[in-house]
C-alpha atoms as a PDB file:
ATOM      1  CA  UNK A   1     122.944  72.166  88.478  1.00  0.00           C
ATOM      2  CA  UNK A   2     120.388  72.288  91.301  1.00  0.00           C
ATOM      3  CA  UNK A   3     117.670  73.313  88.801  1.00  0.00           C
ATOM      4  CA  UNK A   4     118.600  70.373  86.538  1.00  0.00           C
ATOM      5  CA  UNK A   5     118.480  67.962  89.485  1.00  0.00           C
ATOM      6  CA  UNK A   6     115.022  69.241  90.450  1.00  0.00           C
ATOM      7  CA  UNK A   7     113.818  68.912  86.851  1.00  0.00           C
ATOM      8  CA  UNK A   8     115.135  65.360  86.658  1.00  0.00           C
ATOM      9  CA  UNK A   9     113.504  64.493  89.983  1.00  0.00           C
ATOM     10  CA  UNK A  10     110.164  65.896  88.790  1.00  0.00           C
ATOM     11  CA  UNK A  11     110.409  63.995  85.506  1.00  0.00           C
ATOM     12  CA  UNK A  12     111.265  60.765  87.307  1.00  0.00           C
ATOM     13  CA  UNK A  13     108.332  61.242  89.658  1.00  0.00           C
ATOM     14  CA  UNK A  14     105.979  61.929  86.756  1.00  0.00           C
ATOM     15  CA  UNK A  15     107.140  58.797  84.967  1.00  0.00           C
ATOM     16  CA  UNK A  16     106.910  56.766  88.161  1.00  0.00           C
ATOM     17  CA  UNK A  17     103.393  58.031  88.761  1.00  0.00           C
ATOM     18  CA  UNK A  18     102.174  55.937  85.854  1.00  0.00           C
ATOM     19  CA  UNK A  19     103.710  52.703  87.166  1.00  0.00           C
ATOM     20  CA  UNK A  20     101.737  50.189  89.200  1.00  0.00           C
ATOM     21  CA  UNK A  21     103.640  50.305  92.464  1.00  0.00           C
ATOM     22  CA  UNK A  22     101.739  49.889  95.708  1.00  0.00           C
ATOM     23  CA  UNK A  23     102.217  52.721  98.155  1.00  0.00           C
ATOM     24  CA  UNK A  24     101.803  52.633 101.915  1.00  0.00           C
ATOM     25  CA  UNK A  25      99.414  54.985 103.692  1.00  0.00           C
ATOM     26  CA  UNK A  26      99.857  55.386 107.420  1.00  0.00           C
ATOM     27  CA  UNK A  27      96.252  56.419 107.992  1.00  0.00           C
ATOM     28  CA  UNK A  28      94.166  53.289 108.261  1.00  0.00           C
ATOM     29  CA  UNK A  29      90.496  52.518 108.007  1.00  0.00           C
ATOM     30  CA  UNK A  30      88.814  53.734 111.204  1.00  0.00           C
ATOM     31  CA  UNK A  31      91.388  56.439 111.905  1.00  0.00           C
ATOM     32  CA  UNK A  32      90.287  60.005 112.453  1.00  0.00           C
ATOM     33  CA  UNK A  33      90.999  62.153 109.401  1.00  0.00           C
ATOM     34  CA  UNK A  34      93.093  65.238 110.194  1.00  0.00           C
ATOM     35  CA  UNK A  35      90.961  68.366 109.762  1.00  0.00           C
ATOM     36  CA  UNK A  36      92.356  71.195 107.652  1.00  0.00           C
ATOM     37  CA  UNK A  37      91.610  74.311 105.634  1.00  0.00           C
ATOM     38  CA  UNK A  38      93.467  75.031 102.402  1.00  0.00           C
ATOM     39  CA  UNK A  39      93.223  76.974  99.168  1.00  0.00           C
ATOM     40  CA  UNK A  40      92.232  75.470  95.867  1.00  0.00           C
ATOM     41  CA  UNK A  41      90.290  75.912  92.663  1.00  0.00           C
ATOM     42  CA  UNK A  42      86.947  74.931  91.185  1.00  0.00           C
ATOM     43  CA  UNK A  43      86.069  75.676  87.569  1.00  0.00           C
ATOM     44  CA  UNK A  44      89.104  77.932  87.291  1.00  0.00           C
ATOM     45  CA  UNK A  45      88.258  80.075  90.320  1.00  0.00           C
ATOM     46  CA  UNK A  46      90.036  80.200  93.687  1.00  0.00           C
ATOM     47  CA  UNK A  47      88.249  78.956  96.786  1.00  0.00           C
ATOM     48  CA  UNK A  48      88.937  77.793 100.347  1.00  0.00           C
ATOM     49  CA  UNK A  49      88.307  74.204 101.329  1.00  0.00           C
ATOM     50  CA  UNK A  50      87.591  73.273 104.941  1.00  0.00           C
ATOM     51  CA  UNK A  51      87.258  69.537 105.587  1.00  0.00           C
ATOM     52  CA  UNK A  52      85.210  69.986 108.764  1.00  0.00           C
ATOM     53  CA  UNK A  53      82.641  72.138 106.909  1.00  0.00           C
ATOM     54  CA  UNK A  54      82.563  69.756 103.932  1.00  0.00           C
ATOM     55  CA  UNK A  55      81.848  66.746 106.172  1.00  0.00           C
ATOM     56  CA  UNK A  56      78.698  68.473 107.450  1.00  0.00           C
ATOM     57  CA  UNK A  57      77.292  68.076 103.920  1.00  0.00           C
ATOM     58  CA  UNK A  58      78.203  64.403 103.455  1.00  0.00           C
ATOM     59  CA  UNK A  59      81.132  62.027 102.992  1.00  0.00           C
ATOM     60  CA  UNK A  60      84.271  63.338 101.327  1.00  0.00           C
ATOM     61  CA  UNK A  61      86.633  61.592  98.926  1.00  0.00           C
ATOM     62  CA  UNK A  62      90.103  63.092  99.224  1.00  0.00           C
ATOM     63  CA  UNK A  63      92.316  61.836  96.463  1.00  0.00           C
ATOM     64  CA  UNK A  64      95.956  62.831  96.527  1.00  0.00           C
ATOM     65  CA  UNK A  65      97.797  62.903  93.199  1.00  0.00           C
ATOM     66  CA  UNK A  66     101.466  63.716  92.484  1.00  0.00           C
ATOM     67  CA  UNK A  67     101.414  66.530  89.899  1.00  0.00           C
ATOM     68  CA  UNK A  68      98.867  68.273  87.710  1.00  0.00           C
ATOM     69  CA  UNK A  69      99.122  67.772  83.966  1.00  0.00           C
ATOM     70  CA  UNK A  70     101.218  64.610  84.153  1.00  0.00           C
ATOM     71  CA  UNK A  71      99.737  61.687  82.229  1.00  0.00           C
ATOM     72  CA  UNK A  72      98.444  59.565  85.119  1.00  0.00           C
ATOM     73  CA  UNK A  73      97.134  62.536  87.088  1.00  0.00           C
ATOM     74  CA  UNK A  74      95.284  63.944  84.092  1.00  0.00           C
ATOM     75  CA  UNK A  75      93.729  60.561  83.280  1.00  0.00           C
ATOM     76  CA  UNK A  76      92.692  60.121  86.922  1.00  0.00           C
ATOM     77  CA  UNK A  77      91.089  63.587  86.968  1.00  0.00           C
ATOM     78  CA  UNK A  78      89.162  62.757  83.766  1.00  0.00           C
ATOM     79  CA  UNK A  79      87.933  59.512  85.351  1.00  0.00           C
ATOM     80  CA  UNK A  80      86.751  61.300  88.509  1.00  0.00           C
ATOM     81  CA  UNK A  81      85.041  63.961  86.364  1.00  0.00           C
ATOM     82  CA  UNK A  82      83.179  61.285  84.394  1.00  0.00           C
ATOM     83  CA  UNK A  83      81.986  59.647  87.634  1.00  0.00           C
ATOM     84  CA  UNK A  84      80.841  62.830  89.410  1.00  0.00           C
ATOM     85  CA  UNK A  85      77.130  62.237  88.793  1.00  0.00           C
ATOM     86  CA  UNK A  86      77.448  58.909  90.621  1.00  0.00           C
ATOM     87  CA  UNK A  87      79.406  60.460  93.505  1.00  0.00           C
ATOM     88  CA  UNK A  88      76.803  63.214  93.840  1.00  0.00           C
ATOM     89  CA  UNK A  89      73.937  60.687  93.736  1.00  0.00           C
ATOM     90  CA  UNK A  90      75.632  58.891  96.632  1.00  0.00           C
ATOM     91  CA  UNK A  91      75.887  62.207  98.512  1.00  0.00           C
ATOM     92  CA  UNK A  92      79.680  62.473  98.359  1.00  0.00           C
ATOM     93  CA  UNK A  93      82.036  65.298  97.478  1.00  0.00           C
ATOM     94  CA  UNK A  94      85.331  64.687  95.684  1.00  0.00           C
ATOM     95  CA  UNK A  95      88.401  66.862  96.193  1.00  0.00           C
ATOM     96  CA  UNK A  96      91.707  66.279  94.415  1.00  0.00           C
ATOM     97  CA  UNK A  97      94.793  67.198  96.436  1.00  0.00           C
ATOM     98  CA  UNK A  98      98.320  67.994  95.251  1.00  0.00           C
ATOM     99  CA  UNK A  99     101.235  70.256  96.097  1.00  0.00           C
ATOM    100  CA  UNK A 100     100.705  72.314  92.930  1.00  0.00           C
ATOM    101  CA  UNK A 101     100.322  76.088  93.246  1.00  0.00           C
ATOM    102  CA  UNK A 102      96.872  77.684  93.027  1.00  0.00           C
ATOM    103  CA  UNK A 103      97.429  79.069  89.505  1.00  0.00           C
ATOM    104  CA  UNK A 104      98.195  75.546  88.246  1.00  0.00           C
ATOM    105  CA  UNK A 105      95.179  74.201  90.149  1.00  0.00           C
ATOM    106  CA  UNK A 106      92.943  76.796  88.470  1.00  0.00           C
ATOM    107  CA  UNK A 107      93.936  75.498  85.025  1.00  0.00           C
ATOM    108  CA  UNK A 108      93.795  71.841  86.104  1.00  0.00           C
ATOM    109  CA  UNK A 109      90.321  72.265  87.641  1.00  0.00           C
ATOM    110  CA  UNK A 110      88.996  73.355  84.261  1.00  0.00           C
ATOM    111  CA  UNK A 111      91.089  71.396  81.773  1.00  0.00           C
ATOM    112  CA  UNK A 112      91.503  68.028  83.525  1.00  0.00           C
ATOM    113  CA  UNK A 113      88.710  68.081  86.123  1.00  0.00           C
ATOM    114  CA  UNK A 114      86.330  69.557  83.538  1.00  0.00           C
ATOM    115  CA  UNK A 115      84.819  71.951  86.115  1.00  0.00           C
ATOM    116  CA  UNK A 116      83.211  68.937  87.842  1.00  0.00           C
ATOM    117  CA  UNK A 117      85.037  68.944  91.195  1.00  0.00           C
ATOM    118  CA  UNK A 118      87.591  71.039  93.073  1.00  0.00           C
ATOM    119  CA  UNK A 119      91.298  70.522  93.506  1.00  0.00           C
ATOM    120  CA  UNK A 120      93.177  71.918  96.482  1.00  0.00           C
ATOM    121  CA  UNK A 121      96.677  72.485  97.805  1.00  0.00           C
ATOM    122  CA  UNK A 122      98.259  69.765  99.857  1.00  0.00           C
ATOM    123  CA  UNK A 123     100.676  71.807 101.955  1.00  0.00           C
ATOM    124  CA  UNK A 124     103.766  70.141 103.439  1.00  0.00           C
ATOM    125  CA  UNK A 125     101.975  69.884 106.810  1.00  0.00           C
ATOM    126  CA  UNK A 126      98.933  68.301 105.193  1.00  0.00           C
ATOM    127  CA  UNK A 127     101.135  65.848 103.280  1.00  0.00           C
ATOM    128  CA  UNK A 128     102.719  64.803 106.591  1.00  0.00           C
ATOM    129  CA  UNK A 129      99.369  64.603 108.410  1.00  0.00           C
ATOM    130  CA  UNK A 130      97.934  62.247 105.774  1.00  0.00           C
ATOM    131  CA  UNK A 131     101.280  60.472 105.277  1.00  0.00           C
ATOM    132  CA  UNK A 132     101.171  60.850 101.506  1.00  0.00           C
ATOM    133  CA  UNK A 133     104.698  62.099 100.748  1.00  0.00           C
ATOM    134  CA  UNK A 134     105.919  60.661  97.462  1.00  0.00           C
ATOM    135  CA  UNK A 135     109.441  59.389  98.027  1.00  0.00           C
ATOM    136  CA  UNK A 136     112.087  58.272  95.596  1.00  0.00           C
ATOM    137  CA  UNK A 137     114.840  56.152  97.091  1.00  0.00           C
ATOM    138  CA  UNK A 138     113.539  57.118 100.533  1.00  0.00           C
ATOM    139  CA  UNK A 139     113.773  60.870  99.899  1.00  0.00           C
ATOM    140  CA  UNK A 140     110.608  63.022  99.835  1.00  0.00           C
ATOM    141  CA  UNK A 141     110.069  64.670  96.427  1.00  0.00           C
ATOM    142  CA  UNK A 142     107.759  67.435  97.673  1.00  0.00           C
ATOM    143  CA  UNK A 143     104.889  65.811  95.772  1.00  0.00           C
ATOM    144  CA  UNK A 144     102.077  63.679  97.116  1.00  0.00           C
ATOM    145  CA  UNK A 145     101.721  59.971  96.621  1.00  0.00           C
ATOM    146  CA  UNK A 146      98.602  58.695  94.834  1.00  0.00           C
ATOM    147  CA  UNK A 147      96.350  57.831  97.774  1.00  0.00           C
ATOM    148  CA  UNK A 148      92.572  58.081  98.040  1.00  0.00           C
ATOM    149  CA  UNK A 149      90.672  58.368 101.302  1.00  0.00           C
ATOM    150  CA  UNK A 150      86.911  58.102 101.796  1.00  0.00           C
ATOM    151  CA  UNK A 151      85.945  59.992 104.955  1.00  0.00           C
ATOM    152  CA  UNK A 152      82.533  59.590 106.621  1.00  0.00           C
ATOM    153  CA  UNK A 153      80.609  62.495 108.128  1.00  0.00           C
ATOM    154  CA  UNK A 154      81.912  61.552 111.603  1.00  0.00           C
ATOM    155  CA  UNK A 155      85.458  62.292 110.387  1.00  0.00           C
ATOM    156  CA  UNK A 156      86.522  58.652 110.305  1.00  0.00           C
ATOM    157  CA  UNK A 157      88.307  57.098 107.352  1.00  0.00           C
ATOM    158  CA  UNK A 158      86.186  54.299 105.898  1.00  0.00           C
ATOM    159  CA  UNK A 159      88.407  53.372 102.957  1.00  0.00           C
ATOM    160  CA  UNK A 160      92.014  53.852 101.862  1.00  0.00           C
ATOM    161  CA  UNK A 161      93.453  52.999  98.462  1.00  0.00           C
ATOM    162  CA  UNK A 162      97.116  53.751  97.891  1.00  0.00           C
ATOM    163  CA  UNK A 163      98.627  52.837  94.534  1.00  0.00           C
ATOM    164  CA  UNK A 164     100.593  54.893  92.017  1.00  0.00           C
ATOM    165  CA  UNK A 165      98.492  53.311  89.260  1.00  0.00           C
ATOM    166  CA  UNK A 166      95.534  55.704  88.909  1.00  0.00           C
ATOM    167  CA  UNK A 167      93.105  53.252  87.317  1.00  0.00           C
ATOM    168  CA  UNK A 168      91.325  51.817  90.379  1.00  0.00           C
ATOM    169  CA  UNK A 169      91.014  54.937  92.532  1.00  0.00           C
ATOM    170  CA  UNK A 170      87.651  56.015  91.105  1.00  0.00           C
ATOM    171  CA  UNK A 171      86.014  52.576  91.158  1.00  0.00           C
ATOM    172  CA  UNK A 172      87.216  51.772  94.684  1.00  0.00           C
ATOM    173  CA  UNK A 173      86.222  55.115  96.213  1.00  0.00           C
ATOM    174  CA  UNK A 174      82.863  55.087  94.424  1.00  0.00           C
ATOM    175  CA  UNK A 175      82.140  51.560  95.684  1.00  0.00           C
ATOM    176  CA  UNK A 176      82.961  52.640  99.253  1.00  0.00           C
ATOM    177  CA  UNK A 177      80.714  55.714  98.993  1.00  0.00           C
ATOM    178  CA  UNK A 178      77.824  53.656  97.560  1.00  0.00           C
ATOM    179  CA  UNK A 179      78.240  51.071 100.347  1.00  0.00           C
ATOM    180  CA  UNK A 180      78.005  53.877 102.925  1.00  0.00           C
ATOM    181  CA  UNK A 181      74.807  55.149 101.340  1.00  0.00           C
ATOM    182  CA  UNK A 182      73.235  51.668 101.438  1.00  0.00           C
ATOM    183  CA  UNK A 183      74.040  51.386 105.156  1.00  0.00           C
ATOM    184  CA  UNK A 184      72.730  54.896 105.918  1.00  0.00           C
END
């Protein structure tokens, strides 16, 4: 029974992830991004991601997504992959974040992300720190909400977009990164 309830909760979350429902992110523009190190995958291979080290190379787009291989998350990953040349030209790195296990992330990094950018584990502590817990009827599901953060090299959040509809995450984060480059 417990297994069935978990399966139903996961299915409901996956279906809900395609709906256009605004989410609320506690971290606001100007806030200091919590630093972290986590495991992940790039082009099907495991790696470690350290936000502090990544910020030394340029701004970082952290986009949290609920679950690999669900419709909205796969479409969002494809959209980020297609825009990677523009993100790189603006000097930014993109990292997808979910609570999926590393083996799933390895497959997702190749199949959905098309080897263009890494995906990494959003641990329960990281989900709390970024306030991106996906909740259904007020109860955390263990998955992340769909929230994108653009973080400047000083560790400050310069843009937040939180919406379960995946379609504007790429355009909004790319616009924020390009605006930063024009100012710099």
